[in-house]
Amino acid sequence: MPKRMLVPYLALCLLPATAHAEGARKPQVTRVAQGQETVQKDVPFVPTREETVTRMLGIAGVTKDDVVYDLGSGDGRIVVMAAQKLGARAVGVEIDPVRIQEANTNAKAAGVTNRVEFRQQSLFDADIKDATVVTLYLLPSVNLKIRNKLLTELKPGARIVSHDFDMGEWRPDRKENVGDDKVYLWIVPASVQGTYRLSVPTAQGEAPATLTLKQEFQDVSGTLQIGNRRLPLAEVVLQGDALSFRTAEGPEMHFRGRVEGTRIHGNVMPAGGQSRAFTAQREGTSP
């Protein structure tokens, strides 16, 4: 597979010191063919090693059922490998027309043109809502700029993989080293913050309750109030749209459910009792 063209030495010398340290891969501004407009780029252009590409797709668990988007796809190596080795449908988003041509050539050589597409546009403008996996090799500052887009446009459970650079305070769900490279994985969490009304089983029968959840990315805390008792929650786990937790004191109850918009559906298991279904409806919203 063709290697990505390295940034000329002089161009690297003109980059800020942080760009050298970050291993960035695309020049800030590159002029295309004579007479055409200047293409504004966000990060320098440096190739990802094949071993790292393989691990990025592996840590995301890519299969033939996935739709993989590579934002800043360069010569298309991630897109091509996702289609050729794993059978996925894949889309590359790249602003440089020269790289788009190179990527299409590579896809043709690999025999995957029927499963890949390359779009010449800014990654900030890309429509990514059908992606189940998004791969990145950008810069920390660009990761932070695109973070909200990823959180709001991708469906809960979508996987995001970044080569070398993190997402600031958004804790990765997994991190691995591949030689000198780092690979980060995030699973897009559902939005659960708010106050919910539900009923729960008690020794006296069903009782109305209030579930209050606070959220910072995939990290969630909260309380369950039954009558005058406010019970803290423990072992709260949010992965995609799957949410589980238990009461940390008082009558022990284990909850496991799925987030569907403004509702949480699932089952609650009281200590010594039988599992029963529950539905929690967020306040201020209609059932």
Protein backbone atom coordinates (compact mmCIF):
# COMPACT_ATOMS: atom_id res chain seq x y z
CA MET A 1 0.00 0.00 0.00
CA PRO A 2 1.47 3.40 -0.90
CA LYS A 3 2.95 5.30 2.00
CA ARG A 4 1.70 8.79 2.84
CA MET A 5 4.00 11.55 1.64
CA LEU A 6 6.03 13.03 4.50
CA VAL A 7 5.93 16.78 5.07
CA PRO A 8 8.98 18.44 3.53
CA TYR A 9 11.71 19.10 6.05
CA LEU A 10 11.52 22.88 5.59
CA ALA A 11 7.78 22.87 6.27
CA LEU A 12 8.34 20.94 9.48
CA CYS A 13 10.97 23.42 10.58
CA LEU A 14 8.44 26.23 10.21
CA LEU A 15 5.81 24.47 12.36
CA PRO A 16 5.44 25.43 16.05
CA ALA A 17 7.33 23.27 18.51
CA THR A 18 4.07 21.69 19.70
CA ALA A 19 3.35 20.45 16.20
CA HIS A 20 6.66 18.56 16.15
CA ALA A 21 5.90 17.00 19.53
CA GLU A 22 2.37 16.01 18.52
CA GLY A 23 3.42 14.18 15.33
CA ALA A 24 0.89 16.19 13.32
CA ARG A 25 0.18 15.20 9.75
CA LYS A 26 -1.13 18.02 7.53
CA PRO A 27 0.31 21.47 6.72
CA GLN A 28 -1.72 24.42 7.92
CA VAL A 29 -2.03 25.89 4.41
CA THR A 30 -1.26 24.11 1.16
CA ARG A 31 -1.65 25.51 -2.37
CA VAL A 32 -3.15 23.18 -4.93
CA ALA A 33 -2.75 23.38 -8.73
CA GLN A 34 -1.92 26.69 -10.40
CA GLY A 35 -4.94 28.95 -10.66
CA GLN A 36 -6.95 27.15 -8.00
CA GLU A 37 -7.82 28.52 -4.59
CA THR A 38 -5.70 27.89 -1.53
CA VAL A 39 -6.80 24.86 0.49
CA GLN A 40 -6.91 25.59 4.22
CA LYS A 41 -5.90 22.59 6.30
CA ASP A 42 -6.05 22.03 10.01
CA VAL A 43 -3.12 19.68 10.72
CA PRO A 44 0.08 18.53 8.96
CA PHE A 45 0.23 15.40 6.82
CA VAL A 46 2.16 12.45 8.30
CA PRO A 47 1.34 8.78 7.60
CA THR A 48 -0.06 6.28 10.10
CA ARG A 49 1.90 3.04 10.23
CA GLU A 50 0.07 -0.05 8.95
CA GLU A 51 0.48 -1.75 12.34
CA THR A 52 -1.24 1.20 14.02
CA VAL A 53 -4.04 1.28 11.44
CA THR A 54 -4.65 -2.43 12.09
CA ARG A 55 -4.86 -1.85 15.84
CA MET A 56 -7.13 1.20 15.47
CA LEU A 57 -9.65 -0.88 13.56
CA GLY A 58 -9.15 -3.79 15.93
CA ILE A 59 -9.72 -1.84 19.15
CA ALA A 60 -12.95 -0.51 17.64
CA GLY A 61 -14.06 -4.05 16.82
CA VAL A 62 -14.81 -3.19 13.18
CA THR A 63 -16.81 -5.81 11.26
CA LYS A 64 -18.61 -6.03 7.93
CA ASP A 65 -21.67 -4.50 9.59
CA ASP A 66 -19.89 -1.22 10.38
CA VAL A 67 -19.74 2.11 8.58
CA VAL A 68 -16.28 3.59 9.18
CA TYR A 69 -15.52 7.28 8.67
CA ASP A 70 -11.93 8.51 8.64
CA LEU A 71 -11.86 12.27 9.22
CA GLY A 72 -8.76 13.65 7.53
CA SER A 73 -8.29 10.49 5.49
CA GLY A 74 -5.13 11.43 3.57
CA ASP A 75 -4.17 8.64 1.15
CA GLY A 76 -7.13 6.54 2.31
CA ARG A 77 -5.20 3.75 4.01
CA ILE A 78 -7.60 3.41 6.97
CA VAL A 79 -10.65 3.46 4.69
CA VAL A 80 -9.11 0.91 2.31
CA MET A 81 -8.04 -1.46 5.08
CA ALA A 82 -11.47 -1.30 6.77
CA ALA A 83 -13.09 -2.35 3.49
CA GLN A 84 -10.46 -4.78 2.23
CA LYS A 85 -9.57 -6.64 5.43
CA LEU A 86 -12.80 -6.35 7.42
CA GLY A 87 -15.52 -5.96 4.80
CA ALA A 88 -16.85 -2.70 6.25
CA ARG A 89 -18.33 0.16 4.27
CA ALA A 90 -16.00 3.12 4.67
CA VAL A 91 -15.92 6.85 3.93
CA GLY A 92 -12.89 9.13 3.89
CA VAL A 93 -13.24 12.87 4.44
CA GLU A 94 -10.27 14.90 3.18
CA ILE A 95 -9.96 18.53 2.12
CA ASP A 96 -6.90 18.10 -0.15
CA PRO A 97 -7.88 17.11 -3.73
CA VAL A 98 -4.44 15.60 -4.34
CA ARG A 99 -4.92 13.21 -1.43
CA ILE A 100 -8.43 12.39 -2.67
CA GLN A 101 -7.00 11.35 -6.04
CA GLU A 102 -4.34 9.27 -4.32
CA ALA A 103 -6.93 7.61 -2.08
CA ASN A 104 -9.15 6.70 -5.03
CA THR A 105 -6.14 5.19 -6.82
CA ASN A 106 -5.32 3.12 -3.72
CA ALA A 107 -8.93 1.95 -3.39
CA LYS A 108 -8.97 0.86 -7.03
CA ALA A 109 -5.70 -1.03 -6.61
CA ALA A 110 -7.14 -2.80 -3.55
CA GLY A 111 -10.36 -3.69 -5.39
CA VAL A 112 -12.68 -1.98 -2.88
CA THR A 113 -14.16 0.90 -4.89
CA ASN A 114 -17.62 -0.60 -4.43
CA ARG A 115 -17.37 -0.29 -0.63
CA VAL A 116 -15.55 3.01 -0.15
CA GLU A 117 -16.15 6.68 -0.86
CA PHE A 118 -13.90 9.72 -0.54
CA ARG A 119 -15.43 13.15 0.02
CA GLN A 120 -13.47 16.35 -0.52
CA GLN A 121 -14.63 18.62 2.29
CA SER A 122 -13.74 19.99 5.70
CA LEU A 123 -14.10 17.41 8.46
CA PHE A 124 -16.06 20.02 10.43
CA ASP A 125 -18.73 20.08 7.69
CA ALA A 126 -18.95 16.32 7.18
CA ASP A 127 -22.27 14.56 7.69
CA ILE A 128 -21.26 11.69 9.98
CA LYS A 129 -24.60 10.63 11.45
CA ASP A 130 -24.56 7.18 9.82
CA ALA A 131 -21.05 6.33 11.07
CA THR A 132 -20.70 3.52 13.59
CA VAL A 133 -16.93 4.02 13.84
CA VAL A 134 -14.93 7.25 13.40
CA THR A 135 -11.14 7.25 13.13
CA LEU A 136 -8.92 10.29 13.69
CA TYR A 137 -5.28 11.33 13.42
CA LEU A 138 -5.50 15.05 13.96
CA LEU A 139 -4.13 17.31 16.71
CA PRO A 140 -5.24 17.75 20.34
CA SER A 141 -6.66 21.19 19.53
CA VAL A 142 -8.61 19.84 16.54
CA ASN A 143 -9.86 16.88 18.57
CA LEU A 144 -11.29 19.33 21.09
CA LYS A 145 -12.92 21.40 18.34
CA ILE A 146 -14.61 18.37 16.80
CA ARG A 147 -15.50 16.67 20.10
CA ASN A 148 -18.96 18.21 20.44
CA LYS A 149 -19.79 17.29 16.83
CA LEU A 150 -18.89 13.68 17.56
CA LEU A 151 -20.94 13.61 20.77
CA THR A 152 -24.04 15.19 19.26
CA GLU A 153 -24.12 13.73 15.73
CA LEU A 154 -23.07 10.14 16.37
CA LYS A 155 -25.51 7.63 17.80
CA PRO A 156 -24.90 6.29 21.32
CA GLY A 157 -22.64 3.26 21.07
CA ALA A 158 -20.65 4.59 18.11
CA ARG A 159 -16.91 4.09 18.58
CA ILE A 160 -14.27 6.78 18.11
CA VAL A 161 -10.59 5.87 17.72
CA SER A 162 -7.76 8.41 17.76
CA HIS A 163 -4.11 7.86 16.89
CA ASP A 164 -1.84 9.52 19.50
CA PHE A 165 -4.12 12.34 20.72
CA ASP A 166 -6.81 12.40 23.38
CA MET A 167 -10.03 14.39 23.86
CA GLY A 168 -9.07 16.52 26.85
CA GLU A 169 -11.25 15.79 29.88
CA TRP A 170 -13.26 13.17 27.99
CA ARG A 171 -11.73 10.04 29.49
CA PRO A 172 -11.05 7.27 26.94
CA ASP A 173 -12.81 3.96 27.52
CA ARG A 174 -9.60 2.22 26.49
CA LYS A 175 -6.01 3.14 25.65
CA GLU A 176 -3.26 1.01 24.14
CA ASN A 177 0.31 1.44 23.00
CA VAL A 178 1.36 0.23 19.55
CA GLY A 179 5.12 0.61 19.51
CA ASP A 180 5.70 4.33 19.95
CA ASP A 181 2.09 5.14 18.99
CA LYS A 182 -0.92 5.48 21.27
CA VAL A 183 -4.43 4.40 20.34
CA TYR A 184 -7.45 5.77 22.21
CA LEU A 185 -11.02 4.43 22.13
CA TRP A 186 -14.21 6.21 23.19
CA ILE A 187 -17.76 4.87 23.08
CA VAL A 188 -20.29 7.65 22.51
CA PRO A 189 -22.56 7.80 25.59
CA ALA A 190 -26.29 8.46 25.55
CA SER A 191 -27.46 11.71 27.15
CA VAL A 192 -28.94 10.79 30.54
CA GLN A 193 -28.55 13.84 32.76
CA GLY A 194 -31.83 14.91 34.33
CA THR A 195 -34.58 13.96 36.76
CA TYR A 196 -36.79 10.96 36.04
CA ARG A 197 -40.09 9.69 37.46
CA LEU A 198 -40.62 5.96 37.90
CA SER A 199 -42.06 3.40 40.28
CA VAL A 200 -39.98 0.85 42.22
CA PRO A 201 -40.77 -2.28 44.22
CA THR A 202 -40.71 -1.95 48.02
CA ALA A 203 -41.74 -4.17 50.93
CA GLN A 204 -45.07 -2.34 50.91
CA GLY A 205 -45.59 -2.72 47.18
CA GLU A 206 -44.95 -0.35 44.28
CA ALA A 207 -43.86 3.15 45.27
CA PRO A 208 -43.27 6.30 43.22
CA ALA A 209 -39.61 7.33 43.01
CA THR A 210 -37.43 10.06 41.59
CA LEU A 211 -34.16 9.21 39.85
CA THR A 212 -31.68 12.08 39.52
CA LEU A 213 -28.66 11.62 37.27
CA LYS A 214 -25.63 13.86 36.74
CA GLN A 215 -23.38 13.22 33.77
CA GLU A 216 -19.91 14.10 32.53
CA PHE A 217 -19.43 12.21 29.28
CA GLN A 218 -19.73 8.49 30.20
CA ASP A 219 -19.25 9.12 33.93
CA VAL A 220 -22.61 9.25 35.74
CA SER A 221 -23.62 9.68 39.38
CA GLY A 222 -26.97 10.18 41.05
CA THR A 223 -29.58 9.38 43.64
CA LEU A 224 -32.88 7.52 43.90
CA GLN A 225 -35.45 9.15 46.15
CA ILE A 226 -38.28 7.03 47.59
CA GLY A 227 -40.55 9.04 49.84
CA ASN A 228 -38.29 10.93 52.24
CA ARG A 229 -35.28 8.71 51.64
CA ARG A 230 -32.61 9.78 49.17
CA LEU A 231 -30.43 6.81 48.30
CA PRO A 232 -27.05 7.34 46.59
CA LEU A 233 -26.26 5.22 43.54
CA ALA A 234 -23.20 2.99 43.14
CA GLU A 235 -21.55 1.08 40.31
CA VAL A 236 -23.12 3.34 37.72
CA VAL A 237 -22.02 2.23 34.25
CA LEU A 238 -23.06 3.96 31.02
CA GLN A 239 -21.78 2.38 27.80
CA GLY A 240 -23.47 3.71 24.72
CA ASP A 241 -27.19 3.47 25.49
CA ALA A 242 -26.79 0.74 28.14
CA LEU A 243 -27.14 1.98 31.73
CA SER A 244 -26.81 -0.01 34.96
CA PHE A 245 -26.56 0.97 38.62
CA ARG A 246 -27.57 -0.10 42.13
CA THR A 247 -28.62 1.64 45.31
CA ALA A 248 -25.63 2.01 47.64
CA GLU A 249 -27.67 1.94 50.84
CA GLY A 250 -31.19 1.30 52.06
CA PRO A 251 -33.25 -1.31 50.22
CA GLU A 252 -30.83 -2.78 47.71
CA MET A 253 -32.03 -2.64 44.11
CA HIS A 254 -30.14 -3.36 40.91
CA PHE A 255 -31.22 -1.55 37.74
CA ARG A 256 -30.27 -2.44 34.19
CA GLY A 257 -31.77 -0.70 31.17
CA ARG A 258 -31.50 1.05 27.82
CA VAL A 259 -31.74 4.76 27.17
CA GLU A 260 -34.26 5.65 24.46
CA GLY A 261 -34.39 9.41 24.05
CA THR A 262 -36.03 10.79 27.21
CA ARG A 263 -36.84 7.39 28.72
CA ILE A 264 -34.96 4.55 30.33
CA HIS A 265 -36.48 1.09 29.90
CA GLY A 266 -35.23 -1.97 31.71
CA ASN A 267 -35.50 -4.25 34.70
CA VAL A 268 -35.02 -3.72 38.42
CA MET A 269 -34.08 -6.54 40.77
CA PRO A 270 -34.82 -5.91 44.47
CA ALA A 271 -32.82 -7.87 47.03
CA GLY A 272 -34.55 -11.19 47.61
CA GLY A 273 -37.26 -10.36 45.09
CA GLN A 274 -38.09 -10.98 41.48
CA SER A 275 -37.00 -8.89 38.53
CA ARG A 276 -39.64 -6.56 37.12
CA ALA A 277 -39.76 -4.08 34.29
CA PHE A 278 -39.47 -0.35 34.86
CA THR A 279 -39.72 2.76 32.73
CA ALA A 280 -38.21 6.05 33.89
CA GLN A 281 -39.48 9.20 32.15
CA ARG A 282 -37.38 12.36 32.21
CA GLU A 283 -39.17 15.32 33.75
CA GLY A 284 -40.31 18.05 31.38
CA THR A 285 -40.75 15.65 28.47
CA SER A 286 -43.72 13.72 27.13
CA PRO A 287 -43.93 9.93 27.36
